[in-house]
Amino acid sequence: MRPFLPLILFITGVVAILAEIYTFQAVRAATKSRWAPWAYLAISLLIIAYIVYVFMHFDRKEGQNKQSLLAMGLLLITFLPKIIITIVMLGEDIIRFFGGLIRMFLGDTKQPFLQDRRRFVSLTALALAAIPFFSLLYGMTKGKYNFKVRKQTITYPDLPDNFDGMTITQISDVHSGSLDNVEKIEYAIDLINEQKSDIILFTGDIVNTHATELHPWIETFKRIETPPMGKFSVLGNHDYGEYVDWPSPKAKDDNFAAIKDLHRQINFKLMLNENIKLKKGDQHIALIGVENWGHNFKKAGDLIKASVGIDKEDFKILMSHDPSHWEYEVQHHPNNYHLTLSGHTHGMQFGIEIPGFLKWSPVQYVYKQWAGLYNNAKRYVYVNRGFGFHGYAGRTGIWPEITVITLKKG
């Protein structure tokens, strides 16, 4: 990758300059005001300067913070609309160029080689660019806390009779270091409690990097009521502190130990490659929790170790943060893991979902299972869209999720 880095940076720079030129031209062609294009340019350059400043001063020891979240949001909210404008305006330029060639070939010297830009095209480009602009703006201001309770019923012929109708509330990917609105998080906790499920399962990424990120939120998350079968959790890839530079191995280890202890502090039982049997009367099902196992991320999960003492015939619920674990190891495993609960993808926090009609996100080109329920021969994985946010300080079209799963016999 590194040998190509200068070329990538050069191409990115050229695209950014073209986008700025074309957007300036679109604003100038669409408005009769003389100062509007220059006002746009001044604001745009200030935003670019801020983004560059934040990224140039990014501290690898600290990791993501509120400034870097804002900078990434501003980058997306300004760059994507400009790319759309550039595509439309460049298309017009191509048409103008070939039109000039045709006129020159026909000997038409009365008209200039390149005709003037049409105001309609500039207005169209700006209108199209407004769609991602306002969508991303909504995602940064409202969408990131637009919590949705999603309910799913799954039927199994071999579910023990005593567990027919069992309800599971799943949350995932809290990323507490990104959260910034106490009132909205309190509302989400109330939604969790309102479900009155039999068990609550949290599938990893309690922080972005540092254990201290959850400290302001401990009392808030302790408000999650403990249901009859308890509250259980596993680790996600961010919980290992591997995306920052640590002053020493001991500092990293101490942070990891503190992150694991956070689960105790909010009254969740953290499962580290282990299992527990949930009992109702004289019947039981197995709850299994593995550490993070990702095809492209840390592979600390040990399914064999986590399943010690579990029979093949036992009904099994597996918590595994990364859905690629199900794709590459779990779905064809001879031990028959009935239901896997994952998170990790966040649905990329960007996409389009119209129930029963359309479900799309760029993340689907990386993960086959990226949001919702997937099935292979009655072995299911449910991928939670995430509670918090990371990288981009917003959610557009892929809303934060609280999942309620009902298990039915049939």
Protein backbone atom coordinates (compact mmCIF):
# COMPACT_ATOMS: atom_id res chain seq x y z
CA MET A 1 0.00 0.00 0.00
CA ARG A 2 2.76 2.46 0.98
CA PRO A 3 4.51 2.55 -2.44
CA PHE A 4 1.20 3.69 -3.95
CA LEU A 5 0.50 6.26 -1.24
CA PRO A 6 1.98 9.24 -3.14
CA LEU A 7 -0.07 8.32 -6.23
CA ILE A 8 -3.24 7.95 -4.14
CA LEU A 9 -2.63 11.32 -2.47
CA PHE A 10 -1.98 12.94 -5.87
CA ILE A 11 -5.19 11.53 -7.37
CA THR A 12 -7.15 12.56 -4.27
CA GLY A 13 -5.70 16.07 -4.52
CA VAL A 14 -6.61 16.38 -8.21
CA VAL A 15 -10.16 15.19 -7.55
CA ALA A 16 -10.52 17.61 -4.63
CA ILE A 17 -9.31 20.56 -6.74
CA LEU A 18 -11.62 19.64 -9.62
CA ALA A 19 -14.53 19.29 -7.19
CA GLU A 20 -13.80 22.74 -5.77
CA ILE A 21 -13.55 24.33 -9.23
CA TYR A 22 -16.74 22.76 -10.53
CA THR A 23 -18.71 23.56 -7.37
CA PHE A 24 -17.55 27.19 -7.57
CA GLN A 25 -18.68 27.32 -11.21
CA ALA A 26 -22.04 25.74 -10.33
CA VAL A 27 -22.69 28.29 -7.61
CA ARG A 28 -21.66 31.14 -9.90
CA ALA A 29 -23.83 29.91 -12.77
CA ALA A 30 -26.84 29.24 -10.56
CA THR A 31 -26.93 32.56 -8.77
CA LYS A 32 -27.01 36.13 -10.03
CA SER A 33 -25.21 37.40 -6.94
CA ARG A 34 -21.57 38.37 -7.42
CA TRP A 35 -20.54 37.73 -3.84
CA ALA A 36 -22.28 34.32 -3.35
CA PRO A 37 -19.60 32.24 -5.18
CA TRP A 38 -16.81 33.95 -3.26
CA ALA A 39 -18.65 33.55 0.05
CA TYR A 40 -19.02 29.85 -0.75
CA LEU A 41 -15.33 29.59 -1.58
CA ALA A 42 -14.27 31.32 1.65
CA ILE A 43 -16.45 29.02 3.77
CA SER A 44 -15.26 25.95 1.87
CA LEU A 45 -11.59 26.84 2.34
CA LEU A 46 -12.12 27.43 6.06
CA ILE A 47 -13.72 24.00 6.41
CA ILE A 48 -10.89 22.39 4.45
CA ALA A 49 -8.33 24.16 6.63
CA TYR A 50 -10.05 22.88 9.78
CA ILE A 51 -10.19 19.31 8.47
CA VAL A 52 -6.51 19.37 7.47
CA TYR A 53 -5.54 20.88 10.83
CA VAL A 54 -7.39 18.19 12.81
CA PHE A 55 -5.99 15.32 10.76
CA MET A 56 -2.46 16.76 10.86
CA HIS A 57 -2.67 16.99 14.65
CA PHE A 58 -4.34 13.61 15.20
CA ASP A 59 -2.79 12.01 18.26
CA ARG A 60 -2.24 8.29 17.83
CA LYS A 61 -1.93 7.97 21.60
CA GLU A 62 -5.39 9.39 22.17
CA GLY A 63 -7.26 7.96 19.19
CA GLN A 64 -10.62 9.23 18.02
CA ASN A 65 -12.01 12.25 19.85
CA LYS A 66 -14.80 14.78 19.40
CA GLN A 67 -12.66 16.91 17.05
CA SER A 68 -11.79 14.02 14.74
CA LEU A 69 -15.44 12.92 14.69
CA LEU A 70 -16.50 16.44 13.68
CA ALA A 71 -13.75 16.67 11.06
CA MET A 72 -14.78 13.37 9.48
CA GLY A 73 -18.40 14.50 9.45
CA LEU A 74 -17.47 17.78 7.79
CA LEU A 75 -15.36 15.92 5.25
CA LEU A 76 -18.28 13.72 4.24
CA ILE A 77 -20.90 16.47 4.34
CA THR A 78 -18.86 18.72 2.05
CA PHE A 79 -16.94 16.30 -0.18
CA LEU A 80 -19.77 13.95 -1.27
CA PRO A 81 -22.06 16.76 -2.51
CA LYS A 82 -19.14 18.29 -4.40
CA ILE A 83 -18.44 14.97 -6.11
CA ILE A 84 -22.05 14.85 -7.33
CA ILE A 85 -21.78 18.41 -8.62
CA THR A 86 -18.51 17.53 -10.35
CA ILE A 87 -20.04 14.51 -12.11
CA VAL A 88 -22.96 16.59 -13.44
CA MET A 89 -20.80 19.55 -14.47
CA LEU A 90 -18.13 17.35 -16.01
CA GLY A 91 -20.86 15.60 -17.98
CA GLU A 92 -21.99 18.98 -19.30
CA ASP A 93 -18.39 19.85 -20.24
CA ILE A 94 -18.05 16.63 -22.20
CA ILE A 95 -21.24 17.42 -24.09
CA ARG A 96 -20.05 21.00 -24.70
CA PHE A 97 -16.68 19.74 -25.95
CA PHE A 98 -18.10 17.23 -28.41
CA GLY A 99 -20.69 19.78 -29.51
CA GLY A 100 -17.82 22.15 -30.33
CA LEU A 101 -16.05 19.43 -32.33
CA ILE A 102 -19.21 18.76 -34.34
CA ARG A 103 -19.71 22.45 -35.09
CA MET A 104 -16.07 22.82 -36.09
CA PHE A 105 -16.35 19.77 -38.39
CA LEU A 106 -19.48 21.28 -39.98
CA GLY A 107 -17.72 24.58 -40.45
CA ASP A 108 -19.89 26.56 -38.06
CA THR A 109 -17.67 29.48 -37.03
CA LYS A 110 -20.43 31.77 -35.80
CA GLN A 111 -20.69 30.09 -32.38
CA PRO A 112 -17.85 29.71 -29.86
CA PHE A 113 -16.21 26.30 -29.61
CA LEU A 114 -17.49 25.91 -26.02
CA GLN A 115 -20.96 27.27 -25.48
CA ASP A 116 -21.86 28.98 -22.21
CA ARG A 117 -22.92 26.84 -19.29
CA ARG A 118 -26.63 26.36 -18.92
CA ARG A 119 -28.02 27.64 -15.64
CA PHE A 120 -30.46 24.74 -15.57
CA VAL A 121 -27.59 22.22 -15.37
CA SER A 122 -25.96 24.10 -12.49
CA LEU A 123 -29.25 24.26 -10.62
CA THR A 124 -29.78 20.53 -11.22
CA ALA A 125 -26.29 19.74 -9.91
CA LEU A 126 -26.87 21.80 -6.77
CA ALA A 127 -30.29 20.19 -6.22
CA LEU A 128 -28.85 16.69 -6.51
CA ALA A 129 -25.97 17.62 -4.19
CA ALA A 130 -28.45 18.90 -1.62
CA ILE A 131 -29.77 15.34 -1.09
CA PRO A 132 -26.59 13.88 0.49
CA PHE A 133 -25.80 17.23 2.14
CA PHE A 134 -29.03 17.47 4.09
CA SER A 135 -29.14 13.70 4.69
CA LEU A 136 -25.68 13.73 6.26
CA LEU A 137 -26.49 16.91 8.17
CA TYR A 138 -29.58 15.22 9.61
CA GLY A 139 -27.47 12.18 10.43
CA MET A 140 -25.02 14.30 12.42
CA THR A 141 -27.65 16.28 14.31
CA LYS A 142 -30.61 13.91 14.74
CA GLY A 143 -30.03 10.56 13.06
CA LYS A 144 -27.25 9.34 15.36
CA TYR A 145 -29.78 9.15 18.22
CA ASN A 146 -32.80 8.06 16.19
CA PHE A 147 -33.11 4.81 18.14
CA LYS A 148 -35.29 2.09 16.65
CA VAL A 149 -36.61 -1.01 18.38
CA ARG A 150 -36.53 -3.81 15.81
CA LYS A 151 -38.50 -6.96 16.59
CA GLN A 152 -37.77 -10.35 15.08
CA THR A 153 -39.36 -13.76 15.66
CA ILE A 154 -37.36 -16.91 14.89
CA THR A 155 -38.91 -20.38 14.91
CA TYR A 156 -37.03 -23.59 15.73
CA PRO A 157 -38.40 -27.14 15.77
CA ASP A 158 -35.91 -28.21 18.46
CA LEU A 159 -36.35 -25.29 20.85
CA PRO A 160 -37.03 -26.72 24.35
CA ASP A 161 -40.70 -26.34 25.22
CA ASN A 162 -40.01 -24.29 28.35
CA PHE A 163 -38.25 -21.63 26.25
CA ASP A 164 -41.07 -21.21 23.74
CA GLY A 165 -41.68 -17.44 23.62
CA MET A 166 -38.36 -16.48 25.21
CA THR A 167 -37.42 -12.86 24.44
CA ILE A 168 -33.92 -11.49 23.98
CA THR A 169 -32.96 -7.83 23.90
CA GLN A 170 -29.69 -7.29 22.07
CA ILE A 171 -27.57 -4.14 21.98
CA SER A 172 -24.17 -3.77 20.38
CA ASP A 173 -21.40 -1.29 19.64
CA VAL A 174 -22.01 1.33 22.32
CA HIS A 175 -18.75 3.21 21.51
CA SER A 176 -19.16 5.28 24.65
CA GLY A 177 -16.29 7.62 23.73
CA SER A 178 -18.40 9.03 20.90
CA LEU A 179 -21.59 9.66 22.87
CA ASP A 180 -22.39 13.27 23.71
CA ASN A 181 -26.08 13.61 24.65
CA VAL A 182 -27.17 12.39 28.08
CA GLU A 183 -30.87 12.93 27.44
CA LYS A 184 -30.86 10.81 24.27
CA ILE A 185 -28.93 7.97 25.91
CA GLU A 186 -31.28 8.02 28.90
CA TYR A 187 -34.15 7.70 26.42
CA ALA A 188 -32.45 4.68 24.80
CA ILE A 189 -31.98 3.03 28.19
CA ASP A 190 -35.69 3.55 28.87
CA LEU A 191 -36.48 1.85 25.56
CA ILE A 192 -34.36 -1.14 26.57
CA ASN A 193 -36.12 -1.43 29.91
CA GLU A 194 -39.56 -1.09 28.32
CA GLN A 195 -39.04 -4.32 26.35
CA LYS A 196 -39.20 -6.43 29.55
CA SER A 197 -37.22 -9.21 27.87
CA ASP A 198 -36.13 -12.45 29.55
CA ILE A 199 -32.45 -11.73 28.92
CA ILE A 200 -30.27 -8.84 27.71
CA LEU A 201 -27.20 -9.52 25.57
CA PHE A 202 -24.54 -6.97 24.62
CA THR A 203 -22.30 -7.97 21.72
CA GLY A 204 -19.20 -5.84 22.13
CA ASP A 205 -17.38 -2.53 21.58
CA ILE A 206 -18.19 -0.82 24.84
CA VAL A 207 -15.57 1.87 24.07
CA ASN A 208 -13.61 3.22 21.13
CA THR A 209 -10.27 2.59 22.82
CA HIS A 210 -9.90 3.74 26.44
CA ALA A 211 -11.73 2.41 29.49
CA THR A 212 -12.13 5.98 30.77
CA GLU A 213 -14.58 6.70 27.92
CA LEU A 214 -17.37 4.87 29.75
CA HIS A 215 -16.73 6.50 33.14
CA PRO A 216 -19.17 9.42 32.58
CA TRP A 217 -21.81 6.90 31.45
CA ILE A 218 -21.50 4.15 34.08
CA GLU A 219 -24.46 5.29 36.16
CA THR A 220 -26.54 5.68 33.00
CA PHE A 221 -25.89 2.15 31.75
CA LYS A 222 -26.34 0.71 35.24
CA ARG A 223 -29.97 1.76 34.82
CA ILE A 224 -30.49 -1.16 32.43
CA GLU A 225 -32.67 -3.42 34.53
CA THR A 226 -31.55 -7.00 35.09
CA PRO A 227 -34.16 -9.40 33.60
CA PRO A 228 -34.95 -12.89 34.96
CA MET A 229 -32.19 -14.64 33.00
CA GLY A 230 -29.58 -11.91 33.49
CA LYS A 231 -27.39 -9.59 31.44
CA PHE A 232 -24.40 -10.96 29.50
CA SER A 233 -21.78 -9.45 27.21
CA VAL A 234 -18.74 -10.14 25.04
CA LEU A 235 -15.83 -8.08 23.75
CA GLY A 236 -15.56 -6.37 20.37
CA ASN A 237 -12.49 -5.49 18.33
CA HIS A 238 -12.28 -1.97 19.76
CA ASP A 239 -12.17 -3.29 23.31
CA TYR A 240 -8.60 -4.55 22.89
CA GLY A 241 -7.09 -1.07 22.51
CA GLU A 242 -5.21 -1.96 19.33
CA TYR A 243 -5.92 1.19 17.31
CA VAL A 244 -3.74 3.62 19.26
CA ASP A 245 -0.09 3.87 20.31
CA TRP A 246 0.50 3.01 23.96
CA PRO A 247 3.44 4.28 26.02
CA SER A 248 4.18 0.71 27.17
CA PRO A 249 2.78 -2.83 26.95
CA LYS A 250 1.75 -2.51 30.59
CA ALA A 251 -0.37 0.57 29.86
CA LYS A 252 -2.19 -1.36 27.14
CA ASP A 253 -2.70 -4.37 29.41
CA ASP A 254 -3.97 -2.19 32.25
CA ASN A 255 -6.45 -0.52 29.91
CA PHE A 256 -7.67 -3.91 28.69
CA ALA A 257 -8.16 -5.11 32.25
CA ALA A 258 -10.07 -1.91 33.04
CA ILE A 259 -12.29 -2.37 29.97
CA LYS A 260 -13.18 -5.90 31.04
CA ASP A 261 -14.03 -4.58 34.50
CA LEU A 262 -16.41 -2.00 33.01
CA HIS A 263 -18.87 -4.80 32.27
CA ARG A 264 -18.94 -5.70 35.97
CA GLN A 265 -19.47 -2.06 36.87
CA ILE A 266 -22.63 -1.87 34.74
CA ASN A 267 -23.79 -5.26 36.04
CA PHE A 268 -23.16 -7.34 32.92
CA LYS A 269 -21.52 -10.75 33.07
CA LEU A 270 -18.64 -10.64 30.56
CA MET A 271 -18.16 -13.95 28.81
CA LEU A 272 -14.60 -14.70 27.72
CA ASN A 273 -14.67 -17.87 25.62
CA GLU A 274 -17.07 -19.57 28.01
CA ASN A 275 -20.66 -20.70 28.33
CA ILE A 276 -23.50 -20.91 30.78
CA LYS A 277 -26.64 -23.02 30.80
CA LEU A 278 -29.86 -21.04 31.13
CA LYS A 279 -32.45 -23.15 32.95
CA LYS A 280 -36.25 -23.14 33.03
CA GLY A 281 -37.70 -26.00 34.98
CA ASP A 282 -35.94 -29.20 33.97
CA GLN A 283 -34.81 -27.86 30.59
CA HIS A 284 -31.93 -25.65 29.52
CA ILE A 285 -30.36 -23.87 26.60
CA ALA A 286 -26.69 -22.93 26.24
CA LEU A 287 -25.49 -19.34 26.07
CA ILE A 288 -21.97 -19.12 24.64
CA GLY A 289 -19.78 -16.02 24.52
CA VAL A 290 -16.55 -15.78 22.56
CA GLU A 291 -13.96 -13.05 22.44
CA ASN A 292 -13.62 -11.13 19.18
CA TRP A 293 -13.08 -13.22 16.06
CA GLY A 294 -12.96 -11.32 12.80
CA HIS A 295 -11.86 -12.44 9.37
CA ASN A 296 -9.96 -9.16 8.99
CA PHE A 297 -9.62 -8.31 12.69
CA LYS A 298 -8.36 -9.79 15.92
CA LYS A 299 -8.94 -13.53 16.31
CA ALA A 300 -9.12 -14.01 20.06
CA GLY A 301 -12.36 -16.00 19.96
CA ASP A 302 -12.02 -19.72 20.68
CA LEU A 303 -15.23 -21.54 19.84
CA ILE A 304 -13.91 -24.91 21.02
CA LYS A 305 -12.89 -23.57 24.42
CA ALA A 306 -16.11 -21.60 24.75
CA SER A 307 -18.21 -24.72 24.06
CA VAL A 308 -16.64 -27.08 26.59
CA GLY A 309 -19.38 -29.05 28.31
CA ILE A 310 -21.97 -28.30 25.63
CA ASP A 311 -23.56 -31.20 23.77
CA LYS A 312 -24.30 -31.13 20.06
CA GLU A 313 -28.00 -31.63 20.84
CA ASP A 314 -28.17 -28.59 23.15
CA PHE A 315 -29.98 -25.54 21.83
CA LYS A 316 -27.28 -22.85 21.52
CA ILE A 317 -27.18 -19.07 21.43
CA LEU A 318 -23.76 -17.70 20.51
CA MET A 319 -22.56 -14.14 21.10
CA SER A 320 -19.78 -13.22 18.68
CA HIS A 321 -19.10 -9.57 17.86
CA ASP A 322 -18.02 -9.87 14.23
CA PRO A 323 -20.49 -11.50 11.79
CA SER A 324 -17.63 -12.76 9.64
CA HIS A 325 -17.12 -15.34 12.41
CA TRP A 326 -20.49 -16.83 11.48
CA GLU A 327 -19.67 -16.64 7.79
CA TYR A 328 -16.30 -18.41 8.03
CA GLU A 329 -16.59 -20.73 11.04
CA VAL A 330 -19.96 -20.93 12.75
CA GLN A 331 -22.63 -21.55 10.11
CA HIS A 332 -21.14 -24.88 8.98
CA HIS A 333 -19.83 -25.99 12.37
CA PRO A 334 -20.82 -29.57 13.28
CA ASN A 335 -21.86 -28.46 16.80
CA ASN A 336 -24.93 -26.73 15.32
CA TYR A 337 -25.07 -23.22 16.76
CA HIS A 338 -28.72 -22.28 16.38
CA LEU A 339 -28.55 -18.50 16.77
CA THR A 340 -25.54 -16.18 16.59
CA LEU A 341 -25.82 -12.56 17.69
CA SER A 342 -23.33 -10.08 16.24
CA GLY A 343 -22.79 -6.38 15.58
CA HIS A 344 -19.59 -4.69 14.42
CA THR A 345 -20.62 -3.39 10.98
CA HIS A 346 -22.88 -0.51 12.17
CA GLY A 347 -24.43 -0.87 8.70
CA MET A 348 -21.61 1.60 7.96
CA GLN A 349 -23.97 4.19 9.56
CA PHE A 350 -24.97 5.08 6.01
CA GLY A 351 -27.43 3.49 3.63
CA ILE A 352 -31.04 3.13 2.54
CA GLU A 353 -33.59 0.85 4.16
CA ILE A 354 -37.18 0.62 2.92
CA PRO A 355 -38.72 -2.45 4.63
CA GLY A 356 -39.77 -5.10 2.14
CA PHE A 357 -38.37 -3.16 -0.80
CA LEU A 358 -34.78 -1.94 -0.50
CA LYS A 359 -31.85 -2.51 1.85
CA TRP A 360 -28.49 -1.12 0.78
CA SER A 361 -25.26 0.12 2.31
CA PRO A 362 -21.69 0.26 0.99
CA VAL A 363 -20.70 -2.11 3.81
CA GLN A 364 -22.49 -4.96 2.03
CA TYR A 365 -19.57 -5.16 -0.40
CA VAL A 366 -17.34 -6.08 2.57
CA TYR A 367 -19.67 -8.14 4.77
CA LYS A 368 -22.21 -10.64 3.44
CA GLN A 369 -24.10 -10.37 6.73
CA TRP A 370 -24.22 -6.71 7.69
CA ALA A 371 -27.64 -5.84 9.18
CA GLY A 372 -30.61 -7.92 10.26
CA LEU A 373 -31.34 -11.65 10.08
CA TYR A 374 -29.57 -14.20 7.87
CA ASN A 375 -30.19 -17.93 7.65
CA ASN A 376 -28.39 -21.04 6.48
CA ALA A 377 -30.26 -24.30 7.05
CA LYS A 378 -31.99 -22.98 10.19
CA ARG A 379 -28.74 -21.64 11.57
CA TYR A 380 -29.32 -17.95 12.02
CA VAL A 381 -27.17 -14.88 12.60
CA TYR A 382 -28.65 -11.55 13.58
CA VAL A 383 -26.44 -8.51 12.97
CA ASN A 384 -27.38 -5.56 15.15
CA ARG A 385 -26.89 -2.16 13.49
CA GLY A 386 -25.26 -0.74 16.60
CA PHE A 387 -26.21 1.49 19.51
CA GLY A 388 -23.55 4.18 19.12
CA PHE A 389 -21.41 5.52 16.31
CA HIS A 390 -17.75 5.65 15.35
CA GLY A 391 -15.67 7.37 12.68
CA TYR A 392 -18.52 9.44 11.25
CA ALA A 393 -20.38 11.34 13.97
CA GLY A 394 -23.79 10.50 12.59
CA ARG A 395 -26.15 7.97 11.07
CA THR A 396 -27.88 8.38 7.74
CA GLY A 397 -30.54 5.84 6.82
CA ILE A 398 -29.08 3.15 9.11
CA TRP A 399 -30.46 4.06 12.52
CA PRO A 400 -29.18 2.97 15.96
CA GLU A 401 -30.84 -0.25 16.99
CA ILE A 402 -32.26 -2.06 19.99
CA THR A 403 -33.15 -5.58 18.90
CA VAL A 404 -35.87 -7.73 20.46
CA ILE A 405 -35.81 -11.38 19.33
CA THR A 406 -38.57 -13.83 20.24
CA LEU A 407 -37.80 -17.55 20.04
CA LYS A 408 -40.73 -19.75 19.08
CA LYS A 409 -41.15 -23.50 18.91
CA GLY A 410 -42.44 -24.74 15.62
